[in-house]
Amino acid sequence: MLQALDAGGVRRWAAACVQALEAHREAIDRINVYPVADNDTGSNLLHTLRSALEKLQHFPPDSTAGQAVTALSKGALLGARGNSGVIASQLLRGWAEALADAGTITGPGLRAALARGAELARAAVSEPVPGTMLSVLDAAAAGAGDGEPDGLGAVVRGAAWAAARALEQTPS
């Protein structure tokens, strides 16, 4: 089982995020209802993450995982589009702050990154509302720390499970 994520793993993860957003952009656009139903959340997230990945692809291949996340953060900030893009850029900024000195990303490092990212994402919104992207990020951060072992897989599973459950509850 994977115990740590290096810079190459961060690159592969970011590329997978972009691919997933490409595949689901239209569906995400359709469910966007807050603060207005402008049907562009998926498009804005895709644009922002593409910018983040592009910045990372121009980063030295021998970088650390922390440096790779910092590159993603800078790219997302430069390419942030719409509210969702700004939130995503702040999420990655929090990850970059928490992981700046990390050679690799371990379970405890990811747990700290998720918490800091959710905190900065929430701070980026003047009037946070329950049932939004922020609720899902908060749940992921909480799920990552739910008493599971410190292994990277356990932290990822806890965060993913909690995020999926929060996403199911967003319509209510």
Protein backbone atom coordinates (compact mmCIF):
# COMPACT_ATOMS: atom_id res chain seq x y z
CA MET A 1 0.00 0.00 0.00
CA LEU A 2 1.20 3.51 -0.82
CA GLN A 3 2.71 5.13 2.29
CA ALA A 4 3.86 8.45 0.85
CA LEU A 5 3.33 10.59 -2.22
CA ASP A 6 6.37 12.06 -3.97
CA ALA A 7 6.44 14.87 -6.56
CA GLY A 8 5.73 12.40 -9.35
CA GLY A 9 2.70 11.17 -7.44
CA VAL A 10 1.51 14.75 -7.01
CA ARG A 11 1.83 15.25 -10.79
CA ARG A 12 -0.14 12.08 -11.52
CA TRP A 13 -2.80 13.04 -8.97
CA ALA A 14 -3.17 16.53 -10.48
CA ALA A 15 -3.43 15.08 -13.99
CA ALA A 16 -6.11 12.65 -12.77
CA CYS A 17 -8.03 15.57 -11.23
CA VAL A 18 -8.00 17.42 -14.54
CA GLN A 19 -9.12 14.27 -16.39
CA ALA A 20 -11.95 13.72 -13.92
CA LEU A 21 -13.08 17.34 -14.26
CA GLU A 22 -12.99 17.04 -18.04
CA ALA A 23 -15.20 13.97 -17.84
CA HIS A 24 -17.66 15.45 -15.33
CA ARG A 25 -17.58 19.18 -16.11
CA GLU A 26 -21.06 19.30 -17.63
CA ALA A 27 -22.63 17.39 -14.75
CA ILE A 28 -20.96 19.71 -12.22
CA ASP A 29 -22.14 22.72 -14.22
CA ARG A 30 -25.73 21.41 -14.03
CA ILE A 31 -25.77 20.96 -10.24
CA ASN A 32 -24.36 24.43 -9.53
CA VAL A 33 -27.11 26.35 -7.71
CA TYR A 34 -25.36 28.61 -5.18
CA PRO A 35 -25.03 31.54 -4.97
CA VAL A 36 -26.69 31.70 -8.40
CA ALA A 37 -27.42 28.97 -10.91
CA ASP A 38 -24.87 30.21 -13.42
CA ASN A 39 -23.95 26.70 -14.59
CA ASP A 40 -20.19 27.26 -14.68
CA THR A 41 -18.73 25.66 -11.56
CA GLY A 42 -17.36 22.64 -13.42
CA SER A 43 -15.96 24.82 -16.20
CA ASN A 44 -14.34 27.18 -13.70
CA LEU A 45 -12.82 24.35 -11.68
CA LEU A 46 -11.49 22.73 -14.85
CA HIS A 47 -9.89 25.97 -16.03
CA THR A 48 -8.33 26.56 -12.61
CA LEU A 49 -6.94 23.02 -12.28
CA ARG A 50 -5.62 23.03 -15.83
CA SER A 51 -3.69 26.20 -14.96
CA ALA A 52 -2.38 24.54 -11.80
CA LEU A 53 -1.26 21.44 -13.70
CA GLU A 54 0.40 23.52 -16.42
CA LYS A 55 2.46 25.36 -13.79
CA LEU A 56 3.47 22.06 -12.23
CA GLN A 57 4.49 20.59 -15.59
CA HIS A 58 7.00 23.42 -16.00
CA PHE A 59 8.50 22.75 -12.57
CA PRO A 60 11.80 20.86 -12.20
CA PRO A 61 11.25 17.09 -12.23
CA ASP A 62 13.53 16.62 -9.21
CA SER A 63 11.34 18.79 -6.95
CA THR A 64 9.97 17.61 -3.63
CA ALA A 65 6.30 16.87 -3.05
CA GLY A 66 6.00 20.13 -1.11
CA GLN A 67 7.49 22.09 -4.01
CA ALA A 68 5.13 20.34 -6.42
CA VAL A 69 2.09 21.30 -4.33
CA THR A 70 3.42 24.87 -4.14
CA ALA A 71 3.63 24.96 -7.94
CA LEU A 72 0.04 23.70 -8.17
CA SER A 73 -1.03 26.40 -5.74
CA LYS A 74 0.65 29.16 -7.74
CA GLY A 75 -0.81 27.92 -11.01
CA ALA A 76 -4.30 27.70 -9.50
CA LEU A 77 -4.03 31.24 -8.14
CA LEU A 78 -2.93 32.60 -11.51
CA GLY A 79 -5.68 30.74 -13.36
CA ALA A 80 -8.51 30.94 -10.82
CA ARG A 81 -11.83 31.52 -12.52
CA GLY A 82 -15.07 32.23 -10.69
CA ASN A 83 -15.91 31.56 -7.08
CA SER A 84 -15.15 27.86 -7.34
CA GLY A 85 -11.74 28.56 -8.88
CA VAL A 86 -10.86 30.97 -6.08
CA ILE A 87 -11.96 28.41 -3.49
CA ALA A 88 -9.86 25.71 -5.18
CA SER A 89 -6.85 28.02 -5.32
CA GLN A 90 -7.15 28.72 -1.61
CA LEU A 91 -7.53 25.02 -0.87
CA LEU A 92 -4.26 24.38 -2.71
CA ARG A 93 -2.66 27.37 -0.99
CA GLY A 94 -3.44 25.76 2.37
CA TRP A 95 -1.96 22.49 1.17
CA ALA A 96 1.17 24.32 0.01
CA GLU A 97 1.54 26.03 3.38
CA ALA A 98 1.12 22.78 5.30
CA LEU A 99 3.41 20.77 3.00
CA ALA A 100 6.04 23.38 2.07
CA ASP A 101 8.93 21.47 3.63
CA ALA A 102 7.69 17.96 2.82
CA GLY A 103 9.92 15.73 0.75
CA THR A 104 6.97 13.36 0.46
CA ILE A 105 3.36 13.56 1.59
CA THR A 106 2.49 11.14 4.39
CA GLY A 107 -0.80 10.54 6.19
CA PRO A 108 -0.19 13.14 8.91
CA GLY A 109 1.00 15.66 6.31
CA LEU A 110 -2.09 15.18 4.19
CA ARG A 111 -4.29 15.45 7.28
CA ALA A 112 -2.70 18.82 8.13
CA ALA A 113 -2.94 19.97 4.50
CA LEU A 114 -6.64 19.13 4.27
CA ALA A 115 -7.36 21.04 7.48
CA ARG A 116 -5.38 24.13 6.43
CA GLY A 117 -6.83 24.04 2.92
CA ALA A 118 -10.41 23.88 4.18
CA GLU A 119 -9.67 26.74 6.58
CA LEU A 120 -8.30 29.02 3.84
CA ALA A 121 -11.06 28.06 1.40
CA ARG A 122 -13.69 29.03 3.97
CA ALA A 123 -11.88 32.30 4.72
CA ALA A 124 -11.99 33.18 1.01
CA VAL A 125 -15.80 33.35 1.06
CA SER A 126 -17.39 36.41 2.63
CA GLU A 127 -20.61 34.62 3.63
CA PRO A 128 -20.04 30.84 3.80
CA VAL A 129 -23.23 28.81 3.46
CA PRO A 130 -23.78 25.18 4.52
CA GLY A 131 -24.35 22.67 1.75
CA THR A 132 -21.73 24.05 -0.62
CA MET A 133 -18.27 23.04 -1.77
CA LEU A 134 -17.02 24.38 1.57
CA SER A 135 -19.08 21.81 3.48
CA VAL A 136 -17.50 19.02 1.45
CA LEU A 137 -13.99 20.37 2.10
CA ASP A 138 -14.70 20.70 5.83
CA ALA A 139 -16.02 17.13 5.92
CA ALA A 140 -12.96 15.80 4.10
CA ALA A 141 -10.67 17.50 6.59
CA ALA A 142 -12.68 16.15 9.53
CA GLY A 143 -12.85 12.66 8.02
CA ALA A 144 -9.08 12.61 7.53
CA GLY A 145 -8.61 12.98 11.26
CA ASP A 146 -11.30 10.63 12.52
CA GLY A 147 -9.02 8.49 14.67
CA GLU A 148 -7.81 6.38 11.79
CA PRO A 149 -4.22 5.22 11.67
CA ASP A 150 -1.70 7.67 10.25
CA GLY A 151 -1.07 5.74 7.03
CA LEU A 152 -1.64 7.70 3.83
CA GLY A 153 -4.26 5.20 2.62
CA ALA A 154 -6.26 5.45 5.84
CA VAL A 155 -6.21 9.26 5.74
CA VAL A 156 -7.29 9.31 2.09
CA ARG A 157 -10.08 6.77 2.71
CA GLY A 158 -11.38 8.72 5.72
CA ALA A 159 -11.34 12.00 3.83
CA ALA A 160 -12.94 10.53 0.70
CA TRP A 161 -15.69 8.77 2.64
CA ALA A 162 -16.57 11.90 4.62
CA ALA A 163 -16.48 14.10 1.50
CA ALA A 164 -18.75 11.72 -0.41
CA ARG A 165 -21.23 11.66 2.45
CA ALA A 166 -21.22 15.47 2.68
CA LEU A 167 -21.70 15.73 -1.08
CA GLU A 168 -24.79 13.50 -0.85
CA GLN A 169 -26.21 15.89 1.76
CA THR A 170 -25.54 19.15 -0.13
CA PRO A 171 -29.00 19.32 -1.76
CA SER A 172 -30.62 19.46 1.69
